[in-house]
Amino acid sequence: MSTDRKQNLGIAIVDKLEENFGRYLAMERGLPFVLALWTLATHAFNCFDAFAYLAITSPTKRCGKTRLGELVELASCNGLRIVGATAPVIFRRIQMKKLENETLTLIIDEAEALGTKNERSDSIREVLNAGYRRGQCVLRCERDGENGFAVKEFDTFCPKVIILIGNLPDTIADRSIPITMRRRKPEETVERFFYSQAAKEAKRYRKECQTWVKSSRRAVLRNYRNRDLNFLEDREAELWLPLFAVCTVACPHRVEELRKVAQSISGAKQAGEPAELGCLVLRDIQAVFTGIGEDSASTDHLISALRTLDESPWDRWSNGAGLDSRALARLLRPFKIGPHNVRLPGDRILKGYARSDFEEAWATYLPRDLAATPLQASLTQENVTFRDPLQPAGVADPSNARKGRLMRGVAL
């Protein structure tokens, strides 16, 4: 196939897939493009060392999640949508396709059970945690004829889509590109979906995808191995790289568009992640130092400022007693940061912390795009008033109180 013909076919395939996702569903701008590239990439799956899951979520039902799962199933490489499968069913089905030298695209619908704690859910999470990277497998002890039992390896690497209401467990979400669905707005219109008609159209899409991949595999593989997405964090770059490799070969004129979409989705994903307490205290201390505009602060002053943050747990720490100097030191100890004598305005010397103590930890453990925002507050030793710069004044996330757990984001 000539270069021009391959290029035209690649552009046409992406356009058709993008249009197909957009015609049946109401989605935010950019998502149909991402879905088109991900679907096309499943047909070139063997080129990649890691492959992002699609996490299709919504805040409530009737937002089009299952419809999207059906569309992905029809257009992807050997799509299979399942509900209520156990871990052995999942990894054995993947293994079966591997033995046939084919790729399985697994769509796990109604996956809310992944958020529960029981043996079945734990086993499925184990498969999903391992199955986004090549070479990962799960081990099972199985009967081996008359010889008793033997340990067997089951490959878990294949494209996967996970569909649920709510949020995925953190470890699986970290391996996913989030596709957040919503209900259609009154002014939006979508076409009525007829499965038989969509299946007929999708059969043609799959054939075109296979034709394009057969002629473009080497170019996709070369681009995948020689490209680095240095504008994304390491894990995010690993997840998005297959889509950029496919986009660069299939529709190079849209690579910049994909970059903007990837940055937007990755930024929103990062902002919605629950922070570990150590990273949270680092982030809040960074905001405090930005607010006071000083190079050092006493321990008492720092703790007082931290405890005024409504959306952070420091005022409720230790069963409501509040954060104290010992607890703060314990949180900072893993980062090799501890209190010491610091010189304060007026030549006072007290136990406290210097800004320079934290700079290495901030650079290492906080998102690189996070810039501490100047606080709209007055922060003094005698009179502490403080507002979290990363939340609008007077606005709290009701889900935090409802869920009873900390969900923190960063402003990007």
Protein backbone atom coordinates (compact mmCIF):
# COMPACT_ATOMS: atom_id res chain seq x y z
CA MET A 1 0.00 0.00 0.00
CA SER A 2 1.38 3.41 -0.94
CA THR A 3 2.24 5.97 1.72
CA ASP A 4 -0.51 8.35 0.60
CA ARG A 5 -3.10 5.60 0.63
CA LYS A 6 -2.06 4.46 4.10
CA GLN A 7 -2.22 8.06 5.32
CA ASN A 8 -5.66 8.65 3.85
CA LEU A 9 -6.95 5.36 5.24
CA GLY A 10 -5.63 6.17 8.71
CA ILE A 11 -7.28 9.59 8.71
CA ALA A 12 -10.55 8.12 7.44
CA ILE A 13 -10.60 5.38 10.09
CA VAL A 14 -10.00 7.76 12.99
CA ASP A 15 -12.62 10.17 11.65
CA LYS A 16 -15.19 7.38 11.24
CA LEU A 17 -14.59 5.93 14.69
CA GLU A 18 -14.70 9.38 16.27
CA GLU A 19 -17.95 10.19 14.51
CA ASN A 20 -19.43 6.84 15.51
CA PHE A 21 -18.78 7.45 19.21
CA GLY A 22 -20.12 10.99 19.01
CA ARG A 23 -23.31 10.15 17.12
CA TYR A 24 -24.78 7.87 19.79
CA LEU A 25 -23.50 9.47 22.99
CA ALA A 26 -23.20 12.87 24.63
CA MET A 27 -19.59 13.32 25.69
CA GLU A 28 -17.21 16.10 26.51
CA ARG A 29 -15.09 17.45 23.68
CA GLY A 30 -12.02 15.36 22.93
CA LEU A 31 -13.29 12.09 24.35
CA PRO A 32 -14.56 10.62 21.04
CA PHE A 33 -11.10 11.29 19.57
CA VAL A 34 -9.40 9.48 22.45
CA LEU A 35 -11.82 6.56 22.14
CA ALA A 36 -11.20 6.34 18.38
CA LEU A 37 -7.42 6.17 18.85
CA TRP A 38 -7.68 3.67 21.72
CA THR A 39 -9.97 1.43 19.66
CA LEU A 40 -7.64 1.55 16.67
CA ALA A 41 -4.68 0.85 18.96
CA THR A 42 -6.27 -2.41 20.15
CA HIS A 43 -5.73 -3.74 16.63
CA ALA A 44 -2.01 -2.89 16.95
CA PHE A 45 -1.84 -4.10 20.54
CA ASN A 46 1.19 -6.36 20.06
CA CYS A 47 3.33 -3.30 19.32
CA PHE A 48 3.09 -2.03 22.88
CA ASP A 49 4.72 -2.89 26.21
CA ALA A 50 1.96 -1.28 28.26
CA PHE A 51 -1.62 -0.42 27.39
CA ALA A 52 -3.96 1.86 29.33
CA TYR A 53 -7.32 0.64 30.51
CA LEU A 54 -10.38 2.70 29.70
CA ALA A 55 -12.21 3.57 32.91
CA ILE A 56 -15.76 4.44 31.86
CA THR A 57 -17.52 5.94 34.86
CA SER A 58 -20.47 8.18 35.69
CA PRO A 59 -21.95 9.70 38.84
CA THR A 60 -25.28 7.91 38.32
CA LYS A 61 -27.05 5.53 35.97
CA ARG A 62 -28.44 6.28 32.48
CA CYS A 63 -25.36 8.22 31.37
CA GLY A 64 -24.47 5.97 28.44
CA LYS A 65 -21.74 3.82 29.99
CA THR A 66 -23.07 0.49 28.76
CA ARG A 67 -23.81 1.95 25.32
CA LEU A 68 -20.21 3.10 25.09
CA GLY A 69 -19.07 -0.35 26.19
CA GLU A 70 -21.11 -1.87 23.36
CA LEU A 71 -19.59 0.49 20.80
CA VAL A 72 -16.05 -0.29 21.98
CA GLU A 73 -16.82 -4.01 21.94
CA LEU A 74 -18.04 -3.84 18.33
CA ALA A 75 -15.13 -1.82 16.95
CA SER A 76 -12.16 -3.10 18.96
CA CYS A 77 -10.02 -6.15 18.31
CA ASN A 78 -11.98 -9.26 19.39
CA GLY A 79 -14.11 -7.29 21.84
CA LEU A 80 -15.83 -9.28 24.57
CA ARG A 81 -18.17 -7.64 27.09
CA ILE A 82 -18.72 -9.54 30.33
CA VAL A 83 -20.74 -8.99 33.52
CA GLY A 84 -20.11 -10.72 36.82
CA ALA A 85 -17.10 -12.80 35.73
CA THR A 86 -14.69 -14.20 38.30
CA ALA A 87 -10.92 -13.76 38.19
CA PRO A 88 -10.32 -17.31 36.81
CA VAL A 89 -12.81 -16.66 33.99
CA ILE A 90 -10.99 -13.44 33.11
CA PHE A 91 -7.43 -14.73 33.04
CA ARG A 92 -8.39 -18.03 31.38
CA ARG A 93 -10.27 -16.20 28.63
CA ILE A 94 -7.23 -13.98 28.04
CA GLN A 95 -4.99 -17.02 27.99
CA MET A 96 -7.23 -18.78 25.49
CA LYS A 97 -6.89 -15.90 23.02
CA LYS A 98 -3.12 -15.82 23.56
CA LEU A 99 -2.91 -19.50 22.62
CA GLU A 100 -4.82 -18.66 19.43
CA ASN A 101 -2.26 -15.89 18.79
CA GLU A 102 -4.98 -13.26 18.96
CA THR A 103 -5.71 -10.22 21.08
CA LEU A 104 -8.75 -10.06 23.34
CA THR A 105 -10.28 -6.68 24.22
CA LEU A 106 -12.06 -7.30 27.51
CA ILE A 107 -14.95 -5.03 28.54
CA ILE A 108 -15.93 -5.53 32.18
CA ASP A 109 -19.38 -4.01 32.72
CA GLU A 110 -21.10 -3.29 36.05
CA ALA A 111 -17.77 -3.39 37.86
CA GLU A 112 -18.95 -1.65 41.05
CA ALA A 113 -17.99 -4.76 43.04
CA LEU A 114 -14.33 -3.90 42.52
CA GLY A 115 -14.70 -1.34 45.28
CA THR A 116 -15.75 -3.93 47.87
CA LYS A 117 -13.51 -6.01 50.09
CA ASN A 118 -13.99 -9.71 49.57
CA GLU A 119 -12.05 -12.62 48.12
CA ARG A 120 -13.68 -12.44 44.69
CA SER A 121 -13.07 -8.72 44.25
CA ASP A 122 -9.52 -9.00 45.58
CA SER A 123 -8.76 -11.67 42.98
CA ILE A 124 -10.12 -9.56 40.12
CA ARG A 125 -8.15 -6.52 41.31
CA GLU A 126 -5.02 -8.67 41.33
CA VAL A 127 -5.59 -9.55 37.66
CA LEU A 128 -6.28 -5.93 36.71
CA ASN A 129 -3.33 -4.55 38.66
CA ALA A 130 -1.01 -6.88 36.75
CA GLY A 131 -2.64 -6.88 33.33
CA TYR A 132 -1.78 -3.49 31.88
CA ARG A 133 1.89 -4.35 31.20
CA ARG A 134 3.48 -7.00 28.99
CA GLY A 135 4.98 -9.97 30.80
CA GLN A 136 2.80 -9.66 33.88
CA CYS A 137 0.93 -12.77 34.97
CA VAL A 138 -0.90 -14.32 37.89
CA LEU A 139 0.16 -17.60 39.46
CA ARG A 140 -2.29 -20.32 40.36
CA CYS A 141 -1.78 -23.75 41.87
CA GLU A 142 -3.74 -26.29 39.80
CA ARG A 143 -4.17 -30.02 39.66
CA ASP A 144 -1.69 -31.63 37.31
CA GLY A 145 -3.02 -35.08 36.51
CA GLU A 146 -1.59 -37.84 38.62
CA ASN A 147 1.34 -35.70 39.72
CA GLY A 148 -0.70 -33.74 42.21
CA PHE A 149 -0.52 -29.96 41.84
CA ALA A 150 1.65 -27.57 39.85
CA VAL A 151 2.06 -23.79 39.75
CA LYS A 152 0.89 -22.33 36.44
CA GLU A 153 1.31 -18.86 34.97
CA PHE A 154 -1.61 -17.04 33.33
CA ASP A 155 -0.90 -14.03 31.13
CA THR A 156 -3.17 -11.10 31.97
CA PHE A 157 -1.95 -8.52 29.44
CA CYS A 158 -4.68 -7.34 27.06
CA PRO A 159 -6.73 -4.17 26.36
CA LYS A 160 -9.40 -3.73 29.00
CA VAL A 161 -12.39 -1.48 29.57
CA ILE A 162 -13.90 -1.18 33.05
CA ILE A 163 -17.40 0.26 33.38
CA LEU A 164 -19.02 1.32 36.65
CA ILE A 165 -20.92 3.98 38.57
CA GLY A 166 -18.60 5.83 40.92
CA ASN A 167 -14.84 5.49 41.12
CA LEU A 168 -12.35 2.70 40.56
CA PRO A 169 -9.93 1.55 43.26
CA ASP A 170 -6.87 3.78 43.20
CA THR A 171 -4.45 1.17 41.85
CA ILE A 172 -6.66 0.40 38.85
CA ALA A 173 -7.53 4.06 38.22
CA ASP A 174 -3.79 4.75 38.11
CA ARG A 175 -3.55 2.36 35.15
CA SER A 176 -6.49 3.89 33.29
CA ILE A 177 -7.49 6.73 31.02
CA PRO A 178 -10.68 8.09 32.63
CA ILE A 179 -13.75 8.51 30.41
CA THR A 180 -16.38 10.24 32.52
CA MET A 181 -19.88 9.97 31.09
CA ARG A 182 -22.86 12.22 31.78
CA ARG A 183 -26.50 12.48 30.86
CA ARG A 184 -27.44 14.28 27.69
CA LYS A 185 -28.23 17.97 28.04
CA PRO A 186 -31.64 19.19 26.77
CA GLU A 187 -30.10 20.94 23.79
CA GLU A 188 -28.00 17.92 22.74
CA THR A 189 -29.23 15.32 20.26
CA VAL A 190 -27.92 11.83 19.57
CA GLU A 191 -29.01 9.14 17.16
CA ARG A 192 -31.12 6.19 18.24
CA PHE A 193 -28.94 3.11 18.67
CA PHE A 194 -29.88 -0.10 16.87
CA TYR A 195 -27.53 -2.91 17.72
CA SER A 196 -27.83 -4.87 14.47
CA GLN A 197 -27.16 -1.77 12.38
CA ALA A 198 -24.23 -0.72 14.58
CA ALA A 199 -22.79 -4.24 14.44
CA LYS A 200 -22.92 -4.22 10.64
CA GLU A 201 -21.13 -0.87 10.48
CA ALA A 202 -18.56 -1.96 13.05
CA LYS A 203 -17.66 -5.04 11.03
CA ARG A 204 -16.52 -2.72 8.24
CA TYR A 205 -14.60 -0.55 10.73
CA ARG A 206 -12.75 -3.57 12.12
CA LYS A 207 -11.75 -4.74 8.65
CA GLU A 208 -10.41 -1.29 7.78
CA CYS A 209 -8.52 -1.14 11.09
CA GLN A 210 -6.91 -4.51 10.41
CA THR A 211 -5.94 -3.44 6.88
CA TRP A 212 -4.35 -0.23 8.15
CA VAL A 213 -2.49 -1.94 10.99
CA LYS A 214 -1.12 -4.63 8.66
CA SER A 215 0.48 -1.96 6.46
CA SER A 216 1.43 0.47 9.27
CA ARG A 217 2.60 -1.81 12.11
CA ARG A 218 6.30 -1.10 11.59
CA ALA A 219 5.75 2.66 11.58
CA VAL A 220 3.63 2.47 14.74
CA LEU A 221 6.22 0.31 16.49
CA ARG A 222 9.07 2.60 15.45
CA ASN A 223 7.22 5.67 16.67
CA TYR A 224 6.33 3.94 19.94
CA ARG A 225 9.93 3.01 20.68
CA ASN A 226 11.44 6.36 19.72
CA ARG A 227 8.97 8.74 21.33
CA ASP A 228 8.83 10.24 24.81
CA LEU A 229 5.93 12.25 26.20
CA ASN A 230 7.98 14.49 28.45
CA PHE A 231 5.00 16.77 29.15
CA LEU A 232 3.34 13.99 31.20
CA GLU A 233 4.34 12.22 34.39
CA ASP A 234 6.03 8.82 33.98
CA ARG A 235 2.97 6.59 34.48
CA GLU A 236 0.72 8.86 32.45
CA ALA A 237 3.25 8.99 29.62
CA GLU A 238 3.39 5.21 29.60
CA LEU A 239 -0.40 5.00 29.34
CA TRP A 240 -0.78 7.57 26.58
CA LEU A 241 2.20 6.55 24.45
CA PRO A 242 0.33 3.89 22.38
CA LEU A 243 -2.30 6.47 21.43
CA PHE A 244 0.35 8.98 20.38
CA ALA A 245 2.17 6.32 18.35
CA VAL A 246 -1.04 5.47 16.51
CA CYS A 247 -2.04 9.11 16.08
CA THR A 248 1.37 10.10 14.69
CA VAL A 249 1.10 7.45 11.97
CA ALA A 250 -2.64 7.56 11.27
CA CYS A 251 -3.38 11.29 11.53
CA PRO A 252 -0.19 13.28 12.25
CA HIS A 253 -1.96 16.60 11.79
CA ARG A 254 -3.90 15.92 15.01
CA VAL A 255 -0.99 15.10 17.34
CA GLU A 256 -1.06 18.57 18.90
CA GLU A 257 -4.80 18.18 19.51
CA LEU A 258 -4.15 14.87 21.26
CA ARG A 259 -1.44 16.48 23.39
CA LYS A 260 -3.89 19.07 24.69
CA VAL A 261 -6.54 16.44 25.39
CA ALA A 262 -4.02 14.18 27.16
CA GLN A 263 -2.80 17.03 29.36
CA SER A 264 -6.36 18.00 30.24
CA ILE A 265 -7.48 14.46 31.09
CA SER A 266 -4.30 13.62 33.00
CA GLY A 267 -4.50 16.88 34.93
CA ALA A 268 -8.12 16.28 35.90
CA LYS A 269 -7.29 12.69 36.86
CA GLN A 270 -4.43 13.83 39.05
CA ALA A 271 -6.59 16.49 40.68
CA GLY A 272 -9.19 13.88 41.63
CA GLU A 273 -6.79 11.42 43.19
CA PRO A 274 -6.87 10.96 46.95
CA ALA A 275 -3.59 12.16 48.38
CA GLU A 276 -1.52 10.13 50.79
CA LEU A 277 -1.21 11.89 54.10
CA GLY A 278 2.53 12.47 53.71
CA CYS A 279 2.07 14.15 50.32
CA LEU A 280 -0.92 16.06 51.63
CA VAL A 281 1.00 17.58 54.52
CA LEU A 282 3.82 18.53 52.13
CA ARG A 283 1.34 20.23 49.83
CA ASP A 284 -0.34 22.12 52.66
CA ILE A 285 3.00 23.19 54.15
CA GLN A 286 4.00 24.52 50.73
CA ALA A 287 0.83 26.61 50.70
CA VAL A 288 1.56 27.90 54.22
CA PHE A 289 5.06 29.05 53.32
CA THR A 290 3.73 30.75 50.20
CA GLY A 291 1.13 32.53 52.31
CA ILE A 292 3.43 33.83 55.01
CA GLY A 293 6.16 34.85 52.57
CA GLU A 294 8.89 33.92 55.05
CA ASP A 295 11.79 31.47 54.83
CA SER A 296 11.02 29.82 58.16
CA ALA A 297 8.18 29.26 60.62
CA SER A 298 7.96 28.03 64.18
CA THR A 299 6.39 24.63 64.77
CA ASP A 300 3.46 26.20 66.63
CA HIS A 301 2.84 28.70 63.85
CA LEU A 302 2.99 26.00 61.17
CA ILE A 303 0.60 23.72 63.04
CA SER A 304 -1.83 26.57 63.69
CA ALA A 305 -1.92 27.37 59.99
CA LEU A 306 -2.39 23.74 58.98
CA ARG A 307 -5.26 23.28 61.43
CA THR A 308 -7.20 26.16 59.86
CA LEU A 309 -7.51 24.29 56.54
CA ASP A 310 -11.12 23.16 56.49
CA GLU A 311 -10.65 20.64 53.70
CA SER A 312 -7.65 18.99 55.35
CA PRO A 313 -7.74 16.64 58.35
CA TRP A 314 -5.27 18.43 60.62
CA ASP A 315 -7.81 20.09 62.92
CA ARG A 316 -9.58 16.74 63.40
CA TRP A 317 -6.39 14.74 63.75
CA SER A 318 -6.08 12.17 66.54
CA ASN A 319 -9.80 11.75 67.24
CA GLY A 320 -10.45 15.47 67.20
CA ALA A 321 -7.50 16.54 69.33
CA GLY A 322 -5.82 18.13 66.34
CA LEU A 323 -2.37 17.90 64.84
CA ASP A 324 0.48 18.48 67.31
CA SER A 325 4.23 18.81 66.97
CA ARG A 326 4.90 15.12 67.56
CA ALA A 327 2.38 14.01 64.91
CA LEU A 328 3.76 16.53 62.39
CA ALA A 329 7.30 15.28 62.98
CA ARG A 330 6.13 11.70 62.50
CA LEU A 331 4.44 12.57 59.16
CA LEU A 332 7.57 14.32 57.90
CA ARG A 333 10.09 11.74 59.14
CA PRO A 334 9.87 9.51 55.99
CA PHE A 335 10.95 12.55 53.94
CA LYS A 336 13.96 13.08 56.27
CA ILE A 337 12.59 16.39 57.49
CA GLY A 338 12.62 17.28 61.17
CA PRO A 339 12.27 20.34 63.46
CA HIS A 340 15.33 22.39 64.37
CA ASN A 341 16.17 25.84 65.66
CA VAL A 342 15.12 28.54 63.21
CA ARG A 343 15.60 32.31 63.31
CA LEU A 344 12.34 34.24 63.11
CA PRO A 345 11.60 37.97 62.63
CA GLY A 346 12.79 39.95 65.64
CA ASP A 347 15.83 37.67 66.02
CA ARG A 348 13.75 35.11 67.88
CA ILE A 349 15.04 31.56 67.77
CA LEU A 350 12.45 28.80 68.16
CA LYS A 351 11.96 25.19 67.16
CA GLY A 352 10.50 25.08 63.70
CA TYR A 353 11.04 24.41 60.01
CA ALA A 354 12.69 26.28 57.14
CA ARG A 355 11.40 26.49 53.59
CA SER A 356 14.68 24.98 52.39
CA ASP A 357 13.94 21.82 54.41
CA PHE A 358 11.05 21.02 52.09
CA GLU A 359 12.24 22.06 48.64
CA GLU A 360 13.66 18.68 47.66
CA ALA A 361 10.56 16.83 48.91
CA TRP A 362 8.24 19.28 47.13
CA ALA A 363 10.09 18.78 43.86
CA THR A 364 10.10 15.00 44.27
CA TYR A 365 6.68 14.14 45.69
CA LEU A 366 4.32 16.90 44.54
CA PRO A 367 3.05 17.21 40.96
CA ARG A 368 5.59 19.15 38.95
CA ASP A 369 2.90 21.49 37.56
CA LEU A 370 1.77 22.49 41.05
CA ALA A 371 2.67 26.06 41.82
CA ALA A 372 1.73 27.23 45.29
CA THR A 373 -0.86 29.96 44.84
CA PRO A 374 -0.47 33.14 46.88
CA LEU A 375 -2.91 32.96 49.74
CA GLN A 376 -5.71 35.41 50.09
CA ALA A 377 -5.02 35.50 53.81
CA SER A 378 -3.15 37.23 56.55
CA LEU A 379 -0.96 34.84 58.52
CA THR A 380 0.82 36.10 61.62
CA GLN A 381 2.11 34.59 64.86
CA GLU A 382 -0.52 36.36 66.89
CA ASN A 383 -3.56 36.18 64.63
CA VAL A 384 -3.88 33.30 62.19
CA THR A 385 -6.47 33.50 59.44
CA PHE A 386 -5.95 31.12 56.60
CA ARG A 387 -7.79 29.97 53.48
CA ASP A 388 -6.84 26.95 51.40
CA PRO A 389 -5.68 28.46 48.07
CA LEU A 390 -6.65 25.31 46.19
CA GLN A 391 -10.36 25.53 47.05
CA PRO A 392 -12.70 28.46 46.40
CA ALA A 393 -13.64 30.41 49.49
CA GLY A 394 -16.64 28.97 51.28
CA VAL A 395 -16.80 25.89 49.04
CA ALA A 396 -16.42 22.40 50.46
CA ASP A 397 -16.69 19.08 48.71
CA PRO A 398 -19.81 17.41 50.15
CA SER A 399 -18.58 14.03 49.05
CA ASN A 400 -15.73 14.26 51.57
CA ALA A 401 -18.10 14.38 54.50
CA ARG A 402 -20.44 11.84 52.96
CA LYS A 403 -17.73 9.29 52.29
CA GLY A 404 -15.89 9.99 55.49
CA ARG A 405 -12.53 9.91 53.78
CA LEU A 406 -10.06 12.41 52.44
CA MET A 407 -10.23 13.25 48.76
CA ARG A 408 -7.71 15.87 47.82
CA GLY A 409 -6.90 17.48 44.52
CA VAL A 410 -4.37 19.94 43.22
CA ALA A 411 -4.91 23.00 41.10
CA LEU A 412 -3.34 22.57 37.68
